[in-house]
């Protein structure tokens, strides 16, 4: 993968006689976010859950990537769910913005892609929200866990899906399977 660090080196080499002056300017202009992302992306790729794949449409823009989660157990087994992640300039003081691109019947994800995951909240009442010590690896593992141990019917974002599960678990499972067939293959 082409990283931001290698891009900076390559760009500096192209500047000719101004290379040393440009190198120091270029290094100074790299944002805190981008410096963190070079390290975090390497760590993320080395520690990715087996049910997840990360794709960088532009390897020079580590602040934007897509995540595919393919659960291997539970209600969502067999589905392929796409997430879009954008890391804002103020990262790591603020969390990444994540949206689910796959239509899904889930108590913690709306059909329009909004996600209820406390670590994606800048401020959280329960103290489990975003903190500068969190990383992209935490975000990916959290999204992956929404399909297993963090699946939460008691504090839903999609109230209709949670109530559906409470009323009739088998019909809920049937609707999830229908959504997987229609939208998550």
N, C-alpha and C. Protein backbone atom coordinates (compact mmCIF):
# COMPACT_ATOMS: atom_id res chain seq x y z
N UNK A 1 0.83 -1.18 0.00
CA UNK A 1 0.00 0.00 0.00
C UNK A 1 0.87 1.24 0.00
N UNK A 2 0.49 2.22 -0.79
CA UNK A 2 1.18 3.50 -0.81
C UNK A 2 0.70 4.29 0.38
N UNK A 3 1.60 4.69 1.24
CA UNK A 3 1.20 5.44 2.42
C UNK A 3 1.50 6.91 2.23
N UNK A 4 0.98 7.70 3.12
CA UNK A 4 1.22 9.12 3.08
C UNK A 4 2.71 9.41 3.22
N UNK A 5 3.40 8.65 4.06
CA UNK A 5 4.84 8.87 4.27
C UNK A 5 5.61 8.64 2.97
N UNK A 6 5.30 7.55 2.26
CA UNK A 6 6.02 7.29 1.00
C UNK A 6 5.65 8.32 -0.06
N UNK A 7 4.42 8.80 -0.04
CA UNK A 7 4.02 9.85 -0.98
C UNK A 7 4.81 11.11 -0.71
N UNK A 8 4.99 11.48 0.55
CA UNK A 8 5.75 12.67 0.88
C UNK A 8 7.20 12.55 0.40
N UNK A 9 7.79 11.37 0.59
CA UNK A 9 9.16 11.16 0.12
C UNK A 9 9.23 11.29 -1.40
N UNK A 10 8.28 10.69 -2.10
CA UNK A 10 8.27 10.73 -3.55
C UNK A 10 8.09 12.17 -4.03
N UNK A 11 7.16 12.91 -3.42
CA UNK A 11 6.91 14.29 -3.80
C UNK A 11 8.15 15.15 -3.57
N UNK A 12 8.84 14.90 -2.47
CA UNK A 12 10.05 15.67 -2.17
C UNK A 12 11.13 15.40 -3.21
N UNK A 13 11.25 14.17 -3.67
CA UNK A 13 12.25 13.81 -4.67
C UNK A 13 11.99 14.48 -6.01
N UNK A 14 10.75 14.80 -6.31
CA UNK A 14 10.40 15.42 -7.58
C UNK A 14 10.66 16.92 -7.62
N UNK A 15 10.97 17.50 -6.48
CA UNK A 15 11.10 18.95 -6.42
C UNK A 15 12.50 19.45 -6.76
N UNK A 16 13.42 18.54 -7.06
CA UNK A 16 14.74 18.92 -7.55
C UNK A 16 15.58 19.67 -6.54
N UNK A 17 16.15 20.81 -6.95
CA UNK A 17 17.10 21.54 -6.11
C UNK A 17 16.46 22.12 -4.86
N UNK A 18 15.16 22.27 -4.87
CA UNK A 18 14.48 22.80 -3.68
C UNK A 18 14.11 21.69 -2.72
N UNK A 19 14.59 20.49 -2.95
CA UNK A 19 14.16 19.31 -2.19
C UNK A 19 14.32 19.44 -0.69
N UNK A 20 15.48 19.91 -0.23
CA UNK A 20 15.68 19.95 1.23
C UNK A 20 14.78 21.00 1.88
N UNK A 21 14.64 22.17 1.27
CA UNK A 21 13.75 23.19 1.83
C UNK A 21 12.30 22.74 1.74
N UNK A 22 11.95 22.14 0.60
CA UNK A 22 10.57 21.66 0.41
C UNK A 22 10.27 20.52 1.36
N UNK A 23 11.24 19.67 1.62
CA UNK A 23 11.02 18.53 2.51
C UNK A 23 10.63 19.01 3.90
N UNK A 24 11.34 20.01 4.40
CA UNK A 24 11.00 20.48 5.74
C UNK A 24 9.63 21.16 5.74
N UNK A 25 9.31 21.92 4.67
CA UNK A 25 7.99 22.53 4.57
C UNK A 25 6.91 21.47 4.46
N UNK A 26 7.17 20.47 3.62
CA UNK A 26 6.19 19.41 3.40
C UNK A 26 5.94 18.63 4.68
N UNK A 27 6.99 18.34 5.42
CA UNK A 27 6.84 17.60 6.67
C UNK A 27 6.05 18.42 7.68
N UNK A 28 6.31 19.72 7.73
CA UNK A 28 5.60 20.57 8.67
C UNK A 28 4.13 20.68 8.31
N UNK A 29 3.80 20.60 7.03
CA UNK A 29 2.42 20.76 6.60
C UNK A 29 1.58 19.50 6.80
N UNK A 30 2.19 18.39 7.08
CA UNK A 30 1.43 17.17 7.30
C UNK A 30 0.67 17.34 8.62
N UNK A 31 -0.62 17.13 8.57
CA UNK A 31 -1.45 17.33 9.75
C UNK A 31 -1.21 16.24 10.79
N UNK A 32 -1.60 16.54 12.00
CA UNK A 32 -1.51 15.55 13.09
C UNK A 32 -2.33 14.33 12.69
N UNK A 33 -3.51 14.58 12.14
CA UNK A 33 -4.37 13.48 11.69
C UNK A 33 -3.62 12.55 10.74
N UNK A 34 -2.98 13.11 9.73
CA UNK A 34 -2.31 12.28 8.73
C UNK A 34 -1.12 11.52 9.31
N UNK A 35 -0.40 12.14 10.22
CA UNK A 35 0.71 11.44 10.88
C UNK A 35 0.19 10.27 11.71
N UNK A 36 -0.90 10.49 12.43
CA UNK A 36 -1.50 9.41 13.21
C UNK A 36 -2.00 8.29 12.30
N UNK A 37 -2.61 8.67 11.19
CA UNK A 37 -3.20 7.67 10.30
C UNK A 37 -2.15 6.76 9.67
N UNK A 38 -0.98 7.27 9.39
CA UNK A 38 0.07 6.42 8.82
C UNK A 38 0.35 5.26 9.79
N UNK A 39 0.47 5.58 11.07
CA UNK A 39 0.72 4.54 12.09
C UNK A 39 -0.51 3.66 12.30
N UNK A 40 -1.66 4.29 12.42
CA UNK A 40 -2.88 3.54 12.75
C UNK A 40 -3.32 2.61 11.63
N UNK A 41 -3.15 3.01 10.39
CA UNK A 41 -3.55 2.15 9.27
C UNK A 41 -2.67 0.90 9.25
N UNK A 42 -1.39 1.06 9.50
CA UNK A 42 -0.50 -0.10 9.55
C UNK A 42 -0.92 -1.05 10.67
N UNK A 43 -1.23 -0.49 11.84
CA UNK A 43 -1.68 -1.32 12.97
C UNK A 43 -3.02 -1.98 12.66
N UNK A 44 -3.92 -1.23 12.05
CA UNK A 44 -5.23 -1.76 11.69
C UNK A 44 -5.09 -2.95 10.74
N UNK A 45 -4.31 -2.78 9.69
CA UNK A 45 -4.16 -3.85 8.70
C UNK A 45 -3.53 -5.10 9.30
N UNK A 46 -2.67 -4.92 10.32
CA UNK A 46 -2.02 -6.06 10.97
C UNK A 46 -2.96 -6.76 11.96
N UNK A 47 -4.02 -6.07 12.40
CA UNK A 47 -4.92 -6.62 13.44
C UNK A 47 -6.38 -6.62 13.02
N UNK A 48 -6.63 -6.81 11.76
CA UNK A 48 -7.99 -6.79 11.23
C UNK A 48 -8.72 -8.09 11.58
N UNK A 49 -9.97 -8.00 12.09
CA UNK A 49 -10.72 -9.24 12.32
C UNK A 49 -10.88 -10.01 11.01
N UNK A 50 -10.97 -11.32 11.10
CA UNK A 50 -11.07 -12.15 9.88
C UNK A 50 -12.37 -11.88 9.11
N UNK A 51 -13.35 -11.25 9.75
CA UNK A 51 -14.62 -10.96 9.09
C UNK A 51 -14.64 -9.56 8.45
N UNK A 52 -13.50 -8.88 8.46
CA UNK A 52 -13.44 -7.50 7.94
C UNK A 52 -12.38 -7.34 6.86
N UNK A 53 -12.69 -6.44 5.92
CA UNK A 53 -11.73 -6.04 4.89
C UNK A 53 -11.79 -4.53 4.77
N UNK A 54 -10.63 -3.91 4.63
CA UNK A 54 -10.54 -2.46 4.48
C UNK A 54 -10.08 -2.15 3.06
N UNK A 55 -10.70 -1.13 2.47
CA UNK A 55 -10.33 -0.71 1.11
C UNK A 55 -10.15 0.81 1.11
N UNK A 56 -9.00 1.25 0.59
CA UNK A 56 -8.71 2.67 0.44
C UNK A 56 -8.86 3.01 -1.04
N UNK A 57 -9.95 3.68 -1.45
CA UNK A 57 -10.14 4.03 -2.86
C UNK A 57 -8.95 4.84 -3.41
N UNK A 58 -8.40 5.72 -2.57
CA UNK A 58 -7.22 6.49 -2.93
C UNK A 58 -6.19 6.27 -1.84
N UNK A 59 -5.14 5.48 -2.09
CA UNK A 59 -4.15 5.17 -1.06
C UNK A 59 -3.42 6.39 -0.50
N UNK A 60 -3.53 7.52 -1.18
CA UNK A 60 -2.92 8.75 -0.68
C UNK A 60 -3.83 9.50 0.28
N UNK A 61 -5.05 9.02 0.43
CA UNK A 61 -6.01 9.64 1.34
C UNK A 61 -6.40 8.63 2.40
N UNK A 62 -5.55 8.49 3.40
CA UNK A 62 -5.80 7.52 4.46
C UNK A 62 -6.98 7.92 5.34
N UNK A 63 -7.46 9.15 5.19
CA UNK A 63 -8.57 9.63 6.01
C UNK A 63 -9.94 9.20 5.45
N UNK A 64 -9.93 8.50 4.33
CA UNK A 64 -11.20 8.01 3.78
C UNK A 64 -11.01 6.55 3.36
N UNK A 65 -11.83 5.67 3.93
CA UNK A 65 -11.75 4.27 3.54
C UNK A 65 -13.10 3.60 3.68
N UNK A 66 -13.20 2.44 3.06
CA UNK A 66 -14.41 1.64 3.15
C UNK A 66 -14.09 0.34 3.88
N UNK A 67 -15.03 -0.09 4.67
CA UNK A 67 -14.89 -1.31 5.45
C UNK A 67 -16.01 -2.26 5.03
N UNK A 68 -15.66 -3.52 4.82
CA UNK A 68 -16.64 -4.54 4.54
C UNK A 68 -16.63 -5.51 5.71
N UNK A 69 -17.80 -5.71 6.32
CA UNK A 69 -17.95 -6.68 7.41
C UNK A 69 -18.80 -7.82 6.89
N UNK A 70 -18.29 -9.04 7.03
CA UNK A 70 -18.99 -10.24 6.61
C UNK A 70 -19.13 -11.15 7.83
N UNK A 71 -20.20 -10.97 8.64
CA UNK A 71 -20.35 -11.76 9.86
C UNK A 71 -20.37 -13.26 9.58
N UNK A 72 -19.73 -14.02 10.47
CA UNK A 72 -19.69 -15.48 10.29
C UNK A 72 -20.54 -16.21 11.33
N UNK A 73 -21.36 -15.44 12.06
CA UNK A 73 -22.28 -16.04 13.03
C UNK A 73 -23.44 -15.08 13.29
N UNK A 74 -24.47 -15.57 13.92
CA UNK A 74 -25.59 -14.73 14.33
C UNK A 74 -26.59 -14.43 13.22
N UNK A 75 -27.47 -13.47 13.51
CA UNK A 75 -28.54 -13.09 12.59
C UNK A 75 -28.01 -12.66 11.22
N UNK A 76 -26.86 -12.02 11.19
CA UNK A 76 -26.36 -11.38 9.97
C UNK A 76 -25.34 -12.23 9.20
N UNK A 77 -25.19 -13.48 9.61
CA UNK A 77 -24.27 -14.39 8.95
C UNK A 77 -24.62 -14.51 7.48
N UNK A 78 -23.60 -14.44 6.63
CA UNK A 78 -23.81 -14.56 5.19
C UNK A 78 -24.01 -13.22 4.49
N UNK A 79 -24.18 -12.15 5.26
CA UNK A 79 -24.33 -10.82 4.66
C UNK A 79 -22.99 -10.16 4.46
N UNK A 80 -22.98 -9.17 3.61
CA UNK A 80 -21.76 -8.40 3.32
C UNK A 80 -22.15 -6.93 3.47
N UNK A 81 -21.65 -6.29 4.53
CA UNK A 81 -22.09 -4.95 4.88
C UNK A 81 -20.97 -3.95 4.68
N UNK A 82 -21.27 -2.91 3.93
CA UNK A 82 -20.28 -1.88 3.58
C UNK A 82 -20.45 -0.65 4.48
N UNK A 83 -19.33 -0.16 4.97
CA UNK A 83 -19.30 1.06 5.77
C UNK A 83 -18.33 2.04 5.13
N UNK A 84 -18.68 3.32 5.22
CA UNK A 84 -17.82 4.39 4.72
C UNK A 84 -17.30 5.14 5.95
N UNK A 85 -15.99 5.33 6.01
CA UNK A 85 -15.39 6.00 7.15
C UNK A 85 -14.60 7.20 6.67
N UNK A 86 -14.88 8.34 7.28
CA UNK A 86 -14.14 9.55 6.98
C UNK A 86 -13.58 10.10 8.28
N UNK A 87 -12.29 10.31 8.29
CA UNK A 87 -11.61 10.79 9.48
C UNK A 87 -11.45 12.31 9.35
N UNK A 88 -12.08 13.08 10.24
CA UNK A 88 -12.04 14.54 10.12
C UNK A 88 -10.67 15.12 10.46
N UNK A 89 -10.45 16.36 10.05
CA UNK A 89 -9.18 17.04 10.33
C UNK A 89 -8.86 17.10 11.82
N UNK A 90 -9.88 17.21 12.66
CA UNK A 90 -9.67 17.35 14.10
C UNK A 90 -9.40 16.01 14.81
N UNK A 91 -9.27 14.94 14.03
CA UNK A 91 -8.95 13.63 14.59
C UNK A 91 -7.61 13.74 15.30
N UNK A 92 -7.40 13.28 16.37
CA UNK A 92 -7.97 12.27 17.20
C UNK A 92 -8.77 12.84 18.36
N UNK A 93 -9.02 14.13 18.31
CA UNK A 93 -9.84 14.76 19.33
C UNK A 93 -11.33 14.51 19.08
N UNK A 94 -11.69 14.22 17.86
CA UNK A 94 -13.07 13.88 17.51
C UNK A 94 -13.07 12.54 16.79
N UNK A 95 -14.16 11.80 16.89
CA UNK A 95 -14.21 10.47 16.27
C UNK A 95 -14.37 10.53 14.76
N UNK A 96 -14.04 9.44 14.08
CA UNK A 96 -14.32 9.35 12.65
C UNK A 96 -15.83 9.37 12.41
N UNK A 97 -16.23 9.76 11.23
CA UNK A 97 -17.64 9.72 10.84
C UNK A 97 -17.82 8.44 10.03
N UNK A 98 -18.79 7.63 10.45
CA UNK A 98 -19.01 6.34 9.81
C UNK A 98 -20.47 6.23 9.40
N UNK A 99 -20.68 5.69 8.21
CA UNK A 99 -22.03 5.48 7.71
C UNK A 99 -22.10 4.09 7.10
N UNK A 100 -23.21 3.40 7.35
CA UNK A 100 -23.44 2.09 6.74
C UNK A 100 -24.05 2.33 5.36
N UNK A 101 -23.41 1.79 4.33
CA UNK A 101 -23.87 1.98 2.95
C UNK A 101 -24.84 0.89 2.51
N UNK A 102 -24.90 -0.19 3.27
CA UNK A 102 -25.76 -1.33 2.94
C UNK A 102 -27.07 -1.20 3.71
N UNK A 103 -28.17 -1.33 3.01
CA UNK A 103 -29.46 -1.29 3.71
C UNK A 103 -29.56 -2.53 4.60
N UNK A 104 -29.98 -2.32 5.84
CA UNK A 104 -29.94 -3.37 6.84
C UNK A 104 -31.10 -3.22 7.81
N UNK A 105 -31.58 -4.34 8.35
CA UNK A 105 -32.62 -4.35 9.38
C UNK A 105 -31.89 -4.70 10.68
N UNK A 106 -31.58 -3.67 11.46
CA UNK A 106 -30.70 -3.81 12.62
C UNK A 106 -31.14 -2.81 13.68
N UNK A 107 -31.16 -3.19 14.95
CA UNK A 107 -31.60 -2.25 15.98
C UNK A 107 -30.64 -1.08 16.22
N UNK A 108 -29.38 -1.24 15.85
CA UNK A 108 -28.39 -0.19 16.11
C UNK A 108 -27.92 0.54 14.85
N UNK A 109 -28.53 0.22 13.71
CA UNK A 109 -28.21 0.87 12.44
C UNK A 109 -29.53 1.16 11.73
N UNK A 110 -29.73 2.41 11.35
CA UNK A 110 -30.96 2.75 10.65
C UNK A 110 -30.87 2.30 9.20
N UNK A 111 -32.00 2.26 8.54
CA UNK A 111 -32.03 1.88 7.13
C UNK A 111 -31.33 2.92 6.25
N UNK A 112 -31.14 4.13 6.77
CA UNK A 112 -30.43 5.17 6.02
C UNK A 112 -28.94 5.22 6.37
N UNK A 113 -28.47 4.32 7.24
CA UNK A 113 -27.04 4.20 7.49
C UNK A 113 -26.49 4.82 8.75
N UNK A 114 -27.33 5.47 9.55
CA UNK A 114 -26.84 6.02 10.82
C UNK A 114 -26.51 4.87 11.76
N UNK A 115 -25.48 5.07 12.59
CA UNK A 115 -25.00 3.99 13.45
C UNK A 115 -25.01 4.44 14.90
N UNK A 116 -25.52 3.55 15.77
CA UNK A 116 -25.49 3.78 17.21
C UNK A 116 -24.39 2.90 17.79
N UNK A 117 -23.24 3.51 18.00
CA UNK A 117 -22.09 2.84 18.62
C UNK A 117 -21.42 3.89 19.48
N UNK A 118 -21.40 3.67 20.79
CA UNK A 118 -20.96 4.72 21.71
C UNK A 118 -19.57 5.27 21.39
N UNK A 119 -18.66 4.45 20.93
CA UNK A 119 -17.32 4.98 20.69
C UNK A 119 -17.26 5.92 19.50
N UNK A 120 -18.33 6.00 18.72
CA UNK A 120 -18.39 6.97 17.62
C UNK A 120 -19.00 8.30 18.07
N UNK A 121 -19.39 8.36 19.33
CA UNK A 121 -19.96 9.61 19.87
C UNK A 121 -18.87 10.42 20.53
N UNK A 122 -18.88 11.70 20.23
CA UNK A 122 -17.90 12.59 20.85
C UNK A 122 -18.12 12.70 22.35
N UNK A 123 -19.37 12.74 22.75
CA UNK A 123 -19.71 12.82 24.16
C UNK A 123 -20.69 11.70 24.46
N UNK A 124 -20.37 10.91 25.47
CA UNK A 124 -21.21 9.77 25.81
C UNK A 124 -21.50 9.79 27.30
N UNK A 125 -22.76 9.61 27.65
CA UNK A 125 -23.17 9.63 29.04
C UNK A 125 -22.51 8.51 29.84
N UNK A 126 -22.38 7.34 29.21
CA UNK A 126 -21.84 6.19 29.93
C UNK A 126 -20.32 6.16 30.01
N UNK A 127 -19.65 7.17 29.44
CA UNK A 127 -18.20 7.23 29.52
C UNK A 127 -17.48 6.33 28.53
N UNK A 128 -18.22 5.69 27.62
CA UNK A 128 -17.58 4.79 26.66
C UNK A 128 -17.47 5.43 25.28
N UNK A 129 -17.67 6.74 25.22
CA UNK A 129 -17.60 7.44 23.94
C UNK A 129 -16.17 7.62 23.47
N UNK A 130 -16.02 8.46 22.47
CA UNK A 130 -14.72 8.68 21.86
C UNK A 130 -13.76 9.33 22.86
N UNK A 131 -12.51 8.93 22.80
CA UNK A 131 -11.44 9.52 23.57
C UNK A 131 -10.21 9.56 22.67
N UNK A 132 -9.31 10.52 22.86
CA UNK A 132 -8.11 10.61 22.02
C UNK A 132 -7.23 9.36 22.05
N UNK A 133 -7.44 8.51 23.02
CA UNK A 133 -6.66 7.28 23.10
C UNK A 133 -7.21 6.17 22.20
N UNK A 134 -8.38 6.37 21.65
CA UNK A 134 -8.97 5.37 20.74
C UNK A 134 -8.32 5.48 19.36
N UNK A 135 -8.43 4.39 18.60
CA UNK A 135 -7.82 4.36 17.27
C UNK A 135 -8.80 3.80 16.24
N UNK A 136 -8.37 3.79 14.99
CA UNK A 136 -9.19 3.21 13.92
C UNK A 136 -9.45 1.73 14.18
N UNK A 137 -8.49 1.05 14.79
CA UNK A 137 -8.67 -0.36 15.10
C UNK A 137 -9.88 -0.54 16.03
N UNK A 138 -10.04 0.36 17.01
CA UNK A 138 -11.19 0.30 17.92
C UNK A 138 -12.50 0.48 17.15
N UNK A 139 -12.49 1.40 16.19
CA UNK A 139 -13.69 1.66 15.39
C UNK A 139 -14.07 0.42 14.58
N UNK A 140 -13.09 -0.17 13.90
CA UNK A 140 -13.36 -1.35 13.07
C UNK A 140 -13.84 -2.52 13.93
N UNK A 141 -13.17 -2.77 15.05
CA UNK A 141 -13.59 -3.87 15.93
C UNK A 141 -14.97 -3.59 16.51
N UNK A 142 -15.29 -2.32 16.80
CA UNK A 142 -16.62 -1.97 17.29
C UNK A 142 -17.70 -2.21 16.26
N UNK A 143 -17.45 -1.80 15.02
CA UNK A 143 -18.42 -2.03 13.94
C UNK A 143 -18.62 -3.52 13.72
N UNK A 144 -17.55 -4.28 13.74
CA UNK A 144 -17.64 -5.73 13.59
C UNK A 144 -18.49 -6.33 14.71
N UNK A 145 -18.32 -5.83 15.92
CA UNK A 145 -19.05 -6.36 17.08
C UNK A 145 -20.54 -6.01 17.08
N UNK A 146 -20.94 -5.01 16.27
CA UNK A 146 -22.37 -4.70 16.18
C UNK A 146 -23.17 -5.88 15.63
N UNK A 147 -22.49 -6.82 15.02
CA UNK A 147 -23.17 -7.98 14.46
C UNK A 147 -23.15 -9.18 15.41
N UNK A 148 -22.47 -9.03 16.54
CA UNK A 148 -22.39 -10.14 17.50
C UNK A 148 -22.63 -9.63 18.92
N UNK A 149 -21.58 -9.44 19.69
CA UNK A 149 -21.73 -9.13 21.11
C UNK A 149 -22.19 -7.71 21.42
N UNK A 150 -22.08 -6.76 20.51
CA UNK A 150 -22.59 -5.41 20.77
C UNK A 150 -23.97 -5.17 20.16
N UNK A 151 -24.57 -6.18 19.56
CA UNK A 151 -25.93 -6.09 19.05
C UNK A 151 -26.84 -5.80 20.25
N UNK A 152 -27.47 -4.63 20.26
CA UNK A 152 -28.17 -4.18 21.46
C UNK A 152 -29.64 -3.85 21.14
N UNK A 153 -30.53 -4.70 21.64
CA UNK A 153 -31.96 -4.48 21.45
C UNK A 153 -32.56 -3.60 22.54
N UNK A 154 -31.80 -3.36 23.62
CA UNK A 154 -32.31 -2.59 24.76
C UNK A 154 -32.13 -1.08 24.61
N UNK A 155 -31.19 -0.65 23.79
CA UNK A 155 -30.93 0.77 23.57
C UNK A 155 -30.80 1.01 22.06
N UNK A 156 -31.93 0.88 21.34
CA UNK A 156 -31.86 0.90 19.87
C UNK A 156 -31.86 2.30 19.27
N UNK A 157 -31.30 2.40 18.09
CA UNK A 157 -31.44 3.58 17.25
C UNK A 157 -32.62 3.35 16.31
N UNK A 158 -32.72 2.13 15.81
CA UNK A 158 -33.85 1.73 14.97
C UNK A 158 -34.86 1.03 15.89
N UNK A 159 -35.73 1.82 16.49
CA UNK A 159 -36.69 1.32 17.48
C UNK A 159 -37.63 0.29 16.86
N UNK A 160 -38.01 0.51 15.63
CA UNK A 160 -38.92 -0.43 14.96
C UNK A 160 -38.29 -1.82 14.85
N UNK A 161 -37.02 -1.91 14.52
CA UNK A 161 -36.34 -3.20 14.42
C UNK A 161 -36.24 -3.87 15.79
N UNK A 162 -35.94 -3.09 16.82
CA UNK A 162 -35.84 -3.66 18.17
C UNK A 162 -37.19 -4.17 18.66
N UNK A 163 -38.25 -3.40 18.41
CA UNK A 163 -39.59 -3.84 18.81
C UNK A 163 -40.02 -5.07 18.02
N UNK A 164 -39.64 -5.13 16.76
CA UNK A 164 -39.93 -6.29 15.91
C UNK A 164 -39.29 -7.55 16.53
N UNK A 165 -38.06 -7.44 16.96
CA UNK A 165 -37.36 -8.56 17.60
C UNK A 165 -38.06 -8.97 18.88
N UNK A 166 -38.51 -8.00 19.66
CA UNK A 166 -39.20 -8.28 20.93
C UNK A 166 -40.52 -8.99 20.67
N UNK A 167 -41.26 -8.57 19.64
CA UNK A 167 -42.56 -9.16 19.30
C UNK A 167 -42.44 -10.58 18.75
N UNK A 168 -41.49 -10.76 17.81
CA UNK A 168 -41.44 -12.03 17.08
C UNK A 168 -40.03 -12.27 16.55
N UNK A 169 -39.24 -13.01 17.30
CA UNK A 169 -37.84 -13.26 16.93
C UNK A 169 -37.70 -13.98 15.59
N UNK A 170 -38.58 -14.92 15.32
CA UNK A 170 -38.49 -15.66 14.06
C UNK A 170 -38.82 -14.77 12.86
N UNK A 171 -39.83 -13.92 13.00
CA UNK A 171 -40.16 -13.00 11.92
C UNK A 171 -39.05 -11.97 11.73
N UNK A 172 -38.43 -11.53 12.85
CA UNK A 172 -37.29 -10.63 12.78
C UNK A 172 -36.17 -11.29 11.97
N UNK A 173 -35.84 -12.54 12.33
CA UNK A 173 -34.79 -13.28 11.61
C UNK A 173 -35.13 -13.37 10.12
N UNK A 174 -36.39 -13.63 9.80
CA UNK A 174 -36.82 -13.74 8.42
C UNK A 174 -36.62 -12.41 7.67
N UNK A 175 -36.94 -11.30 8.33
CA UNK A 175 -36.77 -9.99 7.68
C UNK A 175 -35.29 -9.68 7.49
N UNK A 176 -34.46 -10.01 8.48
CA UNK A 176 -33.01 -9.82 8.35
C UNK A 176 -32.49 -10.61 7.15
N UNK A 177 -32.91 -11.87 7.03
CA UNK A 177 -32.48 -12.72 5.92
C UNK A 177 -32.94 -12.16 4.58
N UNK A 178 -34.15 -11.60 4.55
CA UNK A 178 -34.67 -10.99 3.34
C UNK A 178 -33.80 -9.77 2.95
N UNK A 179 -33.46 -8.94 3.92
CA UNK A 179 -32.60 -7.78 3.65
C UNK A 179 -31.23 -8.23 3.15
N UNK A 180 -30.70 -9.29 3.73
CA UNK A 180 -29.40 -9.80 3.28
C UNK A 180 -29.49 -10.25 1.83
N UNK A 181 -30.54 -11.00 1.50
CA UNK A 181 -30.73 -11.45 0.11
C UNK A 181 -30.85 -10.28 -0.85
N UNK A 182 -31.58 -9.25 -0.46
CA UNK A 182 -31.85 -8.13 -1.35
C UNK A 182 -30.72 -7.10 -1.42
N UNK A 183 -30.04 -6.86 -0.30
CA UNK A 183 -29.12 -5.73 -0.26
C UNK A 183 -27.67 -6.06 0.13
N UNK A 184 -27.43 -7.22 0.70
CA UNK A 184 -26.11 -7.47 1.30
C UNK A 184 -25.39 -8.67 0.69
N UNK A 185 -25.49 -8.87 -0.58
CA UNK A 185 -24.78 -9.99 -1.23
C UNK A 185 -23.58 -9.51 -1.98
